[in-house]
Amino acid sequence: MKALIKKLKLFVHDEAGPTATEYAILLSLIAMMAVVAMSQFGAHVSGIYSYIDGAVPLS
């Protein structure tokens, strides 16, 4: 029983879990921002190609 209580106390004072959670949240925020940035960049590039397509006369 004493070993269980000792392990429980070590678990409560261990900071590896919260640190891993913080890194996971940070990584998910970075991934979401990357997806948003790529979608905005893709829309911009699509607009450029549409402009070029309309400006080039077909023979």
Protein backbone atom coordinates (compact mmCIF):
# COMPACT_ATOMS: atom_id res chain seq x y z
CA MET A 1 0.00 0.00 0.00
CA LYS A 2 2.87 2.36 0.80
CA ALA A 3 4.34 1.76 -2.66
CA LEU A 4 1.03 2.73 -4.27
CA ILE A 5 0.84 5.95 -2.24
CA LYS A 6 4.46 6.75 -3.13
CA LYS A 7 3.78 6.22 -6.85
CA LEU A 8 0.66 8.35 -6.64
CA LYS A 9 2.60 11.20 -5.03
CA LEU A 10 5.28 10.96 -7.73
CA PHE A 11 2.58 11.01 -10.41
CA VAL A 12 0.95 14.12 -8.94
CA HIS A 13 4.26 16.00 -8.75
CA ASP A 14 5.51 14.85 -12.15
CA GLU A 15 5.36 17.66 -14.74
CA ALA A 16 5.98 15.54 -17.84
CA GLY A 17 2.26 15.07 -18.48
CA PRO A 18 1.27 18.75 -18.49
CA THR A 19 4.34 19.60 -20.57
CA ALA A 20 3.40 17.00 -23.19
CA THR A 21 -0.16 18.33 -23.23
CA GLU A 22 1.07 21.89 -23.73
CA TYR A 23 3.28 20.78 -26.62
CA ALA A 24 0.37 18.90 -28.19
CA ILE A 25 -1.87 21.97 -27.98
CA LEU A 26 0.88 24.18 -29.43
CA LEU A 27 1.49 21.73 -32.26
CA SER A 28 -2.21 21.57 -33.11
CA LEU A 29 -2.45 25.38 -33.21
CA ILE A 30 0.58 25.58 -35.50
CA ALA A 31 -0.92 22.91 -37.78
CA MET A 32 -4.24 24.77 -37.96
CA MET A 33 -2.47 28.03 -38.84
CA ALA A 34 -0.48 26.24 -41.55
CA VAL A 35 -3.69 24.85 -43.08
CA VAL A 36 -5.31 28.30 -43.06
CA ALA A 37 -2.21 29.91 -44.58
CA MET A 38 -1.99 27.26 -47.33
CA SER A 39 -5.66 27.62 -48.21
CA GLN A 40 -5.34 31.40 -48.46
CA PHE A 41 -2.18 31.05 -50.56
CA GLY A 42 -3.92 28.49 -52.79
CA ALA A 43 -6.86 30.83 -53.36
CA HIS A 44 -4.46 33.64 -54.27
CA VAL A 45 -2.54 31.46 -56.75
CA SER A 46 -5.81 30.23 -58.25
CA GLY A 47 -6.85 33.84 -58.82
CA ILE A 48 -3.56 34.60 -60.55
CA TYR A 49 -3.94 31.62 -62.88
CA SER A 50 -7.53 32.60 -63.65
CA TYR A 51 -6.37 36.12 -64.54
CA ILE A 52 -3.63 34.74 -66.81
CA ASP A 53 -6.08 32.33 -68.42
CA GLY A 54 -8.45 35.18 -69.22
CA ALA A 55 -5.69 37.47 -70.48
CA VAL A 56 -4.12 35.02 -72.91
CA PRO A 57 -6.09 34.98 -76.17
CA LEU A 58 -6.92 31.63 -77.70
CA SER A 59 -6.21 31.24 -81.40
